[in-house]
Amino acid sequence: WAVVVRTESPIFPTPWQVVTGTLELAEDGTL
């Protein structure tokens, strides 16, 4: 998390973005 925030990467996600993406897939059944 610290490295992503520090580098302000526009592509690589933070841990929270990964969590929200996982929930998104789980909610629509795709996962």
PDB file of all heavy atoms in Angstrom:
ATOM      1  N   TRP A   1       0.830  -1.200   0.000  1.00  0.00           N
ATOM      2  CA  TRP A   1       0.000   0.000   0.000  1.00  0.00           C
ATOM      3  C   TRP A   1       0.872   1.261   0.000  1.00  0.00           C
ATOM      4  O   TRP A   1       0.631   2.213  -0.760  1.00  0.00           O
ATOM      5  CB  TRP A   1      -0.905  -0.014   1.229  1.00  0.00           C
ATOM      6  CG  TRP A   1      -2.158   0.811   1.068  1.00  0.00           C
ATOM      7  CD1 TRP A   1      -2.285   2.013   0.440  1.00  0.00           C
ATOM      8  CD2 TRP A   1      -3.465   0.465   1.530  1.00  0.00           C
ATOM      9  NE1 TRP A   1      -3.573   2.451   0.495  1.00  0.00           N
ATOM     10  CE2 TRP A   1      -4.323   1.513   1.151  1.00  0.00           C
ATOM     11  CE3 TRP A   1      -3.982  -0.628   2.235  1.00  0.00           C
ATOM     12  CZ2 TRP A   1      -5.675   1.503   1.467  1.00  0.00           C
ATOM     13  CZ3 TRP A   1      -5.324  -0.636   2.544  1.00  0.00           C
ATOM     14  CH2 TRP A   1      -6.162   0.421   2.148  1.00  0.00           C
ATOM     15  N   ALA A   2       1.911   1.261   0.828  1.00  0.00           N
ATOM     16  CA  ALA A   2       2.768   2.439   0.932  1.00  0.00           C
ATOM     17  C   ALA A   2       3.498   2.710  -0.381  1.00  0.00           C
ATOM     18  O   ALA A   2       3.623   3.866  -0.810  1.00  0.00           O
ATOM     19  CB  ALA A   2       3.779   2.248   2.066  1.00  0.00           C
ATOM     20  N   VAL A   3       3.965   1.662  -1.044  1.00  0.00           N
ATOM     21  CA  VAL A   3       4.703   1.835  -2.301  1.00  0.00           C
ATOM     22  C   VAL A   3       3.784   2.391  -3.390  1.00  0.00           C
ATOM     23  O   VAL A   3       4.165   3.303  -4.144  1.00  0.00           O
ATOM     24  CB  VAL A   3       5.324   0.495  -2.742  1.00  0.00           C
ATOM     25  CG1 VAL A   3       5.854   0.602  -4.172  1.00  0.00           C
ATOM     26  CG2 VAL A   3       6.441   0.095  -1.797  1.00  0.00           C
ATOM     27  N   VAL A   4       2.559   1.860  -3.484  1.00  0.00           N
ATOM     28  CA  VAL A   4       1.628   2.337  -4.505  1.00  0.00           C
ATOM     29  C   VAL A   4       1.264   3.797  -4.270  1.00  0.00           C
ATOM     30  O   VAL A   4       1.235   4.615  -5.206  1.00  0.00           O
ATOM     31  CB  VAL A   4       0.359   1.459  -4.535  1.00  0.00           C
ATOM     32  CG1 VAL A   4      -0.669   2.046  -5.497  1.00  0.00           C
ATOM     33  CG2 VAL A   4       0.704   0.036  -4.946  1.00  0.00           C
ATOM     34  N   VAL A   5       1.007   4.137  -3.008  1.00  0.00           N
ATOM     35  CA  VAL A   5       0.652   5.525  -2.685  1.00  0.00           C
ATOM     36  C   VAL A   5       1.845   6.446  -2.926  1.00  0.00           C
ATOM     37  O   VAL A   5       1.704   7.561  -3.459  1.00  0.00           O
ATOM     38  CB  VAL A   5       0.169   5.624  -1.227  1.00  0.00           C
ATOM     39  CG1 VAL A   5       0.000   7.086  -0.815  1.00  0.00           C
ATOM     40  CG2 VAL A   5      -1.144   4.871  -1.053  1.00  0.00           C
ATOM     41  N   ARG A   6       3.028   5.991  -2.549  1.00  0.00           N
ATOM     42  CA  ARG A   6       4.227   6.804  -2.691  1.00  0.00           C
ATOM     43  C   ARG A   6       4.554   7.085  -4.156  1.00  0.00           C
ATOM     44  O   ARG A   6       4.921   8.205  -4.525  1.00  0.00           O
ATOM     45  CB  ARG A   6       5.398   6.065  -2.027  1.00  0.00           C
ATOM     46  CG  ARG A   6       6.741   6.751  -2.136  1.00  0.00           C
ATOM     47  CD  ARG A   6       6.870   7.883  -1.155  1.00  0.00           C
ATOM     48  NE  ARG A   6       8.213   8.460  -1.167  1.00  0.00           N
ATOM     49  CZ  ARG A   6       8.573   9.479  -0.426  1.00  0.00           C
ATOM     50  NH1 ARG A   6       7.686  10.052   0.394  1.00  0.00           N
ATOM     51  NH2 ARG A   6       9.795   9.951  -0.483  1.00  0.00           N
ATOM     52  N   THR A   7       4.426   6.057  -4.997  1.00  0.00           N
ATOM     53  CA  THR A   7       4.757   6.215  -6.416  1.00  0.00           C
ATOM     54  C   THR A   7       3.613   6.807  -7.228  1.00  0.00           C
ATOM     55  O   THR A   7       3.815   7.152  -8.398  1.00  0.00           O
ATOM     56  CB  THR A   7       5.142   4.849  -7.026  1.00  0.00           C
ATOM     57  OG1 THR A   7       4.047   3.927  -6.848  1.00  0.00           O
ATOM     58  CG2 THR A   7       6.380   4.290  -6.350  1.00  0.00           C
ATOM     59  N   GLU A   8       2.432   6.889  -6.621  1.00  0.00           N
ATOM     60  CA  GLU A   8       1.239   7.410  -7.302  1.00  0.00           C
ATOM     61  C   GLU A   8       1.010   6.692  -8.628  1.00  0.00           C
ATOM     62  O   GLU A   8       0.735   7.305  -9.660  1.00  0.00           O
ATOM     63  CB  GLU A   8       1.367   8.920  -7.530  1.00  0.00           C
ATOM     64  CG  GLU A   8       1.476   9.718  -6.233  1.00  0.00           C
ATOM     65  CD  GLU A   8       1.588  11.206  -6.487  1.00  0.00           C
ATOM     66  OE1 GLU A   8       1.744  11.604  -7.662  1.00  0.00           O
ATOM     67  OE2 GLU A   8       1.515  11.987  -5.515  1.00  0.00           O
ATOM     68  N   SER A   9       1.113   5.367  -8.562  1.00  0.00           N
ATOM     69  CA  SER A   9       0.963   4.552  -9.770  1.00  0.00           C
ATOM     70  C   SER A   9      -0.471   4.634 -10.289  1.00  0.00           C
ATOM     71  O   SER A   9      -1.423   4.391  -9.544  1.00  0.00           O
ATOM     72  CB  SER A   9       1.316   3.091  -9.468  1.00  0.00           C
ATOM     73  OG  SER A   9       1.018   2.274 -10.579  1.00  0.00           O
ATOM     74  N   PRO A  10      -0.652   4.976 -11.567  1.00  0.00           N
ATOM     75  CA  PRO A  10      -2.004   5.037 -12.139  1.00  0.00           C
ATOM     76  C   PRO A  10      -2.543   3.668 -12.552  1.00  0.00           C
ATOM     77  O   PRO A  10      -3.716   3.545 -12.884  1.00  0.00           O
ATOM     78  CB  PRO A  10      -1.826   5.944 -13.359  1.00  0.00           C
ATOM     79  CG  PRO A  10      -0.421   5.660 -13.807  1.00  0.00           C
ATOM     80  CD  PRO A  10       0.374   5.405 -12.547  1.00  0.00           C
ATOM     81  N   ILE A  11      -1.679   2.665 -12.559  1.00  0.00           N
ATOM     82  CA  ILE A  11      -2.073   1.340 -13.043  1.00  0.00           C
ATOM     83  C   ILE A  11      -2.145   0.331 -11.905  1.00  0.00           C
ATOM     84  O   ILE A  11      -3.155  -0.335 -11.725  1.00  0.00           O
ATOM     85  CB  ILE A  11      -1.098   0.846 -14.137  1.00  0.00           C
ATOM     86  CG1 ILE A  11      -1.135   1.786 -15.348  1.00  0.00           C
ATOM     87  CG2 ILE A  11      -1.432  -0.579 -14.554  1.00  0.00           C
ATOM     88  CD1 ILE A  11      -0.154   1.408 -16.440  1.00  0.00           C
ATOM     89  N   PHE A  12      -1.067   0.226 -11.141  1.00  0.00           N
ATOM     90  CA  PHE A  12      -1.018  -0.806 -10.115  1.00  0.00           C
ATOM     91  C   PHE A  12      -1.969  -0.454  -8.971  1.00  0.00           C
ATOM     92  O   PHE A  12      -1.935   0.662  -8.457  1.00  0.00           O
ATOM     93  CB  PHE A  12       0.405  -0.976  -9.580  1.00  0.00           C
ATOM     94  CG  PHE A  12       0.642  -2.315  -8.954  1.00  0.00           C
ATOM     95  CD1 PHE A  12       0.889  -3.422  -9.740  1.00  0.00           C
ATOM     96  CD2 PHE A  12       0.592  -2.485  -7.576  1.00  0.00           C
ATOM     97  CE1 PHE A  12       1.096  -4.669  -9.179  1.00  0.00           C
ATOM     98  CE2 PHE A  12       0.794  -3.722  -7.007  1.00  0.00           C
ATOM     99  CZ  PHE A  12       1.051  -4.821  -7.807  1.00  0.00           C
ATOM    100  N   PRO A  13      -2.817  -1.385  -8.534  1.00  0.00           N
ATOM    101  CA  PRO A  13      -3.853  -1.058  -7.554  1.00  0.00           C
ATOM    102  C   PRO A  13      -3.352  -1.121  -6.116  1.00  0.00           C
ATOM    103  O   PRO A  13      -2.347  -1.772  -5.810  1.00  0.00           O
ATOM    104  CB  PRO A  13      -4.896  -2.162  -7.797  1.00  0.00           C
ATOM    105  CG  PRO A  13      -4.067  -3.332  -8.217  1.00  0.00           C
ATOM    106  CD  PRO A  13      -2.926  -2.767  -9.031  1.00  0.00           C
ATOM    107  N   THR A  14      -4.065  -0.455  -5.245  1.00  0.00           N
ATOM    108  CA  THR A  14      -3.838  -0.582  -3.810  1.00  0.00           C
ATOM    109  C   THR A  14      -4.552  -1.837  -3.301  1.00  0.00           C
ATOM    110  O   THR A  14      -5.432  -2.378  -3.987  1.00  0.00           O
ATOM    111  CB  THR A  14      -4.389   0.640  -3.059  1.00  0.00           C
ATOM    112  OG1 THR A  14      -5.820   0.681  -3.235  1.00  0.00           O
ATOM    113  CG2 THR A  14      -3.762   1.928  -3.563  1.00  0.00           C
ATOM    114  N   PRO A  15      -4.213  -2.307  -2.114  1.00  0.00           N
ATOM    115  CA  PRO A  15      -4.927  -3.457  -1.563  1.00  0.00           C
ATOM    116  C   PRO A  15      -6.440  -3.239  -1.479  1.00  0.00           C
ATOM    117  O   PRO A  15      -7.215  -4.173  -1.708  1.00  0.00           O
ATOM    118  CB  PRO A  15      -4.302  -3.629  -0.178  1.00  0.00           C
ATOM    119  CG  PRO A  15      -2.930  -3.083  -0.326  1.00  0.00           C
ATOM    120  CD  PRO A  15      -3.059  -1.933  -1.272  1.00  0.00           C
ATOM    121  N   TRP A  16      -6.873  -2.013  -1.149  1.00  0.00           N
ATOM    122  CA  TRP A  16      -8.300  -1.762  -1.038  1.00  0.00           C
ATOM    123  C   TRP A  16      -8.997  -1.855  -2.397  1.00  0.00           C
ATOM    124  O   TRP A  16     -10.120  -2.348  -2.504  1.00  0.00           O
ATOM    125  CB  TRP A  16      -8.557  -0.398  -0.412  1.00  0.00           C
ATOM    126  CG  TRP A  16     -10.027  -0.091  -0.262  1.00  0.00           C
ATOM    127  CD1 TRP A  16     -10.740   0.870  -0.895  1.00  0.00           C
ATOM    128  CD2 TRP A  16     -10.951  -0.792   0.579  1.00  0.00           C
ATOM    129  NE1 TRP A  16     -12.053   0.829  -0.518  1.00  0.00           N
ATOM    130  CE2 TRP A  16     -12.220  -0.189   0.393  1.00  0.00           C
ATOM    131  CE3 TRP A  16     -10.843  -1.878   1.456  1.00  0.00           C
ATOM    132  CZ2 TRP A  16     -13.351  -0.628   1.058  1.00  0.00           C
ATOM    133  CZ3 TRP A  16     -11.966  -2.312   2.131  1.00  0.00           C
ATOM    134  CH2 TRP A  16     -13.213  -1.692   1.928  1.00  0.00           C
ATOM    135  N   GLN A  17      -8.333  -1.399  -3.451  1.00  0.00           N
ATOM    136  CA  GLN A  17      -8.901  -1.516  -4.786  1.00  0.00           C
ATOM    137  C   GLN A  17      -9.045  -2.990  -5.188  1.00  0.00           C
ATOM    138  O   GLN A  17     -10.003  -3.361  -5.871  1.00  0.00           O
ATOM    139  CB  GLN A  17      -8.021  -0.769  -5.801  1.00  0.00           C
ATOM    140  CG  GLN A  17      -8.086   0.741  -5.665  1.00  0.00           C
ATOM    141  CD  GLN A  17      -7.082   1.433  -6.562  1.00  0.00           C
ATOM    142  OE1 GLN A  17      -5.956   0.952  -6.730  1.00  0.00           O
ATOM    143  NE2 GLN A  17      -7.471   2.556  -7.142  1.00  0.00           N
ATOM    144  N   VAL A  18      -8.103  -3.818  -4.760  1.00  0.00           N
ATOM    145  CA  VAL A  18      -8.200  -5.252  -5.021  1.00  0.00           C
ATOM    146  C   VAL A  18      -9.395  -5.847  -4.283  1.00  0.00           C
ATOM    147  O   VAL A  18     -10.136  -6.669  -4.837  1.00  0.00           O
ATOM    148  CB  VAL A  18      -6.897  -5.961  -4.606  1.00  0.00           C
ATOM    149  CG1 VAL A  18      -7.054  -7.474  -4.696  1.00  0.00           C
ATOM    150  CG2 VAL A  18      -5.733  -5.507  -5.479  1.00  0.00           C
ATOM    151  N   VAL A  19      -9.597  -5.413  -3.042  1.00  0.00           N
ATOM    152  CA  VAL A  19     -10.736  -5.910  -2.258  1.00  0.00           C
ATOM    153  C   VAL A  19     -12.049  -5.512  -2.917  1.00  0.00           C
ATOM    154  O   VAL A  19     -12.962  -6.335  -3.076  1.00  0.00           O
ATOM    155  CB  VAL A  19     -10.665  -5.381  -0.813  1.00  0.00           C
ATOM    156  CG1 VAL A  19     -11.959  -5.708  -0.065  1.00  0.00           C
ATOM    157  CG2 VAL A  19      -9.476  -5.987  -0.086  1.00  0.00           C
ATOM    158  N   THR A  20     -12.162  -4.257  -3.317  1.00  0.00           N
ATOM    159  CA  THR A  20     -13.408  -3.800  -3.946  1.00  0.00           C
ATOM    160  C   THR A  20     -13.645  -4.492  -5.285  1.00  0.00           C
ATOM    161  O   THR A  20     -14.786  -4.808  -5.645  1.00  0.00           O
ATOM    162  CB  THR A  20     -13.385  -2.275  -4.139  1.00  0.00           C
ATOM    163  OG1 THR A  20     -12.220  -1.906  -4.908  1.00  0.00           O
ATOM    164  CG2 THR A  20     -13.346  -1.561  -2.798  1.00  0.00           C
ATOM    165  N   GLY A  21     -12.571  -4.747  -6.043  1.00  0.00           N
ATOM    166  CA  GLY A  21     -12.713  -5.476  -7.301  1.00  0.00           C
ATOM    167  C   GLY A  21     -13.186  -6.904  -7.075  1.00  0.00           C
ATOM    168  O   GLY A  21     -14.033  -7.412  -7.825  1.00  0.00           O
ATOM    169  N   THR A  22     -12.656  -7.537  -6.035  1.00  0.00           N
ATOM    170  CA  THR A  22     -13.082  -8.896  -5.711  1.00  0.00           C
ATOM    171  C   THR A  22     -14.557  -8.927  -5.323  1.00  0.00           C
ATOM    172  O   THR A  22     -15.314  -9.806  -5.761  1.00  0.00           O
ATOM    173  CB  THR A  22     -12.236  -9.459  -4.556  1.00  0.00           C
ATOM    174  OG1 THR A  22     -10.846  -9.388  -4.896  1.00  0.00           O
ATOM    175  CG2 THR A  22     -12.609 -10.903  -4.264  1.00  0.00           C
ATOM    176  N   LEU A  23     -14.978  -7.960  -4.515  1.00  0.00           N
ATOM    177  CA  LEU A  23     -16.387  -7.888  -4.117  1.00  0.00           C
ATOM    178  C   LEU A  23     -17.289  -7.641  -5.325  1.00  0.00           C
ATOM    179  O   LEU A  23     -18.401  -8.180  -5.399  1.00  0.00           O
ATOM    180  CB  LEU A  23     -16.580  -6.781  -3.078  1.00  0.00           C
ATOM    181  CG  LEU A  23     -15.910  -7.017  -1.716  1.00  0.00           C
ATOM    182  CD1 LEU A  23     -16.097  -5.808  -0.821  1.00  0.00           C
ATOM    183  CD2 LEU A  23     -16.481  -8.269  -1.048  1.00  0.00           C
ATOM    184  N   GLU A  24     -16.797  -6.866  -6.246  1.00  0.00           N
ATOM    185  CA  GLU A  24     -17.564  -6.600  -7.468  1.00  0.00           C
ATOM    186  C   GLU A  24     -17.812  -7.890  -8.250  1.00  0.00           C
ATOM    187  O   GLU A  24     -18.931  -8.154  -8.708  1.00  0.00           O
ATOM    188  CB  GLU A  24     -16.788  -5.600  -8.321  1.00  0.00           C
ATOM    189  CG  GLU A  24     -17.395  -5.313  -9.682  1.00  0.00           C
ATOM    190  CD  GLU A  24     -16.488  -4.435 -10.537  1.00  0.00           C
ATOM    191  OE1 GLU A  24     -15.721  -3.634  -9.971  1.00  0.00           O
ATOM    192  OE2 GLU A  24     -16.543  -4.566 -11.768  1.00  0.00           O
ATOM    193  N   LEU A  25     -16.775  -8.696  -8.389  1.00  0.00           N
ATOM    194  CA  LEU A  25     -16.926  -9.968  -9.097  1.00  0.00           C
ATOM    195  C   LEU A  25     -17.804 -10.946  -8.323  1.00  0.00           C
ATOM    196  O   LEU A  25     -18.578 -11.700  -8.912  1.00  0.00           O
ATOM    197  CB  LEU A  25     -15.556 -10.599  -9.337  1.00  0.00           C
ATOM    198  CG  LEU A  25     -14.637  -9.913 -10.349  1.00  0.00           C
ATOM    199  CD1 LEU A  25     -13.305 -10.634 -10.408  1.00  0.00           C
ATOM    200  CD2 LEU A  25     -15.278  -9.891 -11.733  1.00  0.00           C
ATOM    201  N   ALA A  26     -17.660 -10.941  -7.004  1.00  0.00           N
ATOM    202  CA  ALA A  26     -18.445 -11.863  -6.179  1.00  0.00           C
ATOM    203  C   ALA A  26     -19.928 -11.518  -6.218  1.00  0.00           C
ATOM    204  O   ALA A  26     -20.787 -12.404  -6.245  1.00  0.00           O
ATOM    205  CB  ALA A  26     -17.927 -11.843  -4.745  1.00  0.00           C
ATOM    206  N   GLU A  27     -20.251 -10.224  -6.239  1.00  0.00           N
ATOM    207  CA  GLU A  27     -21.654  -9.805  -6.204  1.00  0.00           C
ATOM    208  C   GLU A  27     -22.398 -10.161  -7.482  1.00  0.00           C
ATOM    209  O   GLU A  27     -23.574 -10.540  -7.440  1.00  0.00           O
ATOM    210  CB  GLU A  27     -21.733  -8.298  -5.948  1.00  0.00           C
ATOM    211  CG  GLU A  27     -21.370  -7.915  -4.516  1.00  0.00           C
ATOM    212  CD  GLU A  27     -21.327  -6.416  -4.318  1.00  0.00           C
ATOM    213  OE1 GLU A  27     -21.529  -5.677  -5.314  1.00  0.00           O
ATOM    214  OE2 GLU A  27     -21.065  -5.969  -3.186  1.00  0.00           O
ATOM    215  N   ASP A  28     -21.714 -10.056  -8.628  1.00  0.00           N
ATOM    216  CA  ASP A  28     -22.420 -10.384  -9.872  1.00  0.00           C
ATOM    217  C   ASP A  28     -22.300 -11.861 -10.259  1.00  0.00           C
ATOM    218  O   ASP A  28     -22.801 -12.291 -11.303  1.00  0.00           O
ATOM    219  CB  ASP A  28     -21.942  -9.498 -11.031  1.00  0.00           C
ATOM    220  CG  ASP A  28     -20.468  -9.711 -11.383  1.00  0.00           C
ATOM    221  OD1 ASP A  28     -19.896 -10.734 -10.961  1.00  0.00           O
ATOM    222  OD2 ASP A  28     -19.907  -8.869 -12.098  1.00  0.00           O
ATOM    223  N   GLY A  29     -21.616 -12.652  -9.411  1.00  0.00           N
ATOM    224  CA  GLY A  29     -21.530 -14.095  -9.642  1.00  0.00           C
ATOM    225  C   GLY A  29     -20.421 -14.536 -10.570  1.00  0.00           C
ATOM    226  O   GLY A  29     -20.195 -15.743 -10.728  1.00  0.00           O
ATOM    227  N   THR A  30     -19.720 -13.581 -11.196  1.00  0.00           N
ATOM    228  CA  THR A  30     -18.663 -13.948 -12.142  1.00  0.00           C
ATOM    229  C   THR A  30     -17.540 -14.722 -11.477  1.00  0.00           C
ATOM    230  O   THR A  30     -17.028 -15.707 -12.027  1.00  0.00           O
ATOM    231  CB  THR A  30     -18.093 -12.674 -12.801  1.00  0.00           C
ATOM    232  OG1 THR A  30     -19.148 -11.953 -13.426  1.00  0.00           O
ATOM    233  CG2 THR A  30     -17.040 -13.033 -13.844  1.00  0.00           C
ATOM    234  N   LEU A  31     -17.164 -14.286 -10.286  1.00  0.00           N
ATOM    235  CA  LEU A  31     -16.048 -14.920  -9.578  1.00  0.00           C
ATOM    236  C   LEU A  31     -16.330 -16.399  -9.328  1.00  0.00           C
ATOM    237  O   LEU A  31     -15.479 -17.255  -9.568  1.00  0.00           O
ATOM    238  CB  LEU A  31     -15.793 -14.196  -8.268  1.00  0.00           C
ATOM    239  CG  LEU A  31     -14.689 -14.765  -7.381  1.00  0.00           C
ATOM    240  CD1 LEU A  31     -13.351 -14.702  -8.093  1.00  0.00           C
ATOM    241  CD2 LEU A  31     -14.627 -14.016  -6.051  1.00  0.00           C
TER     242      LEU A  31
END
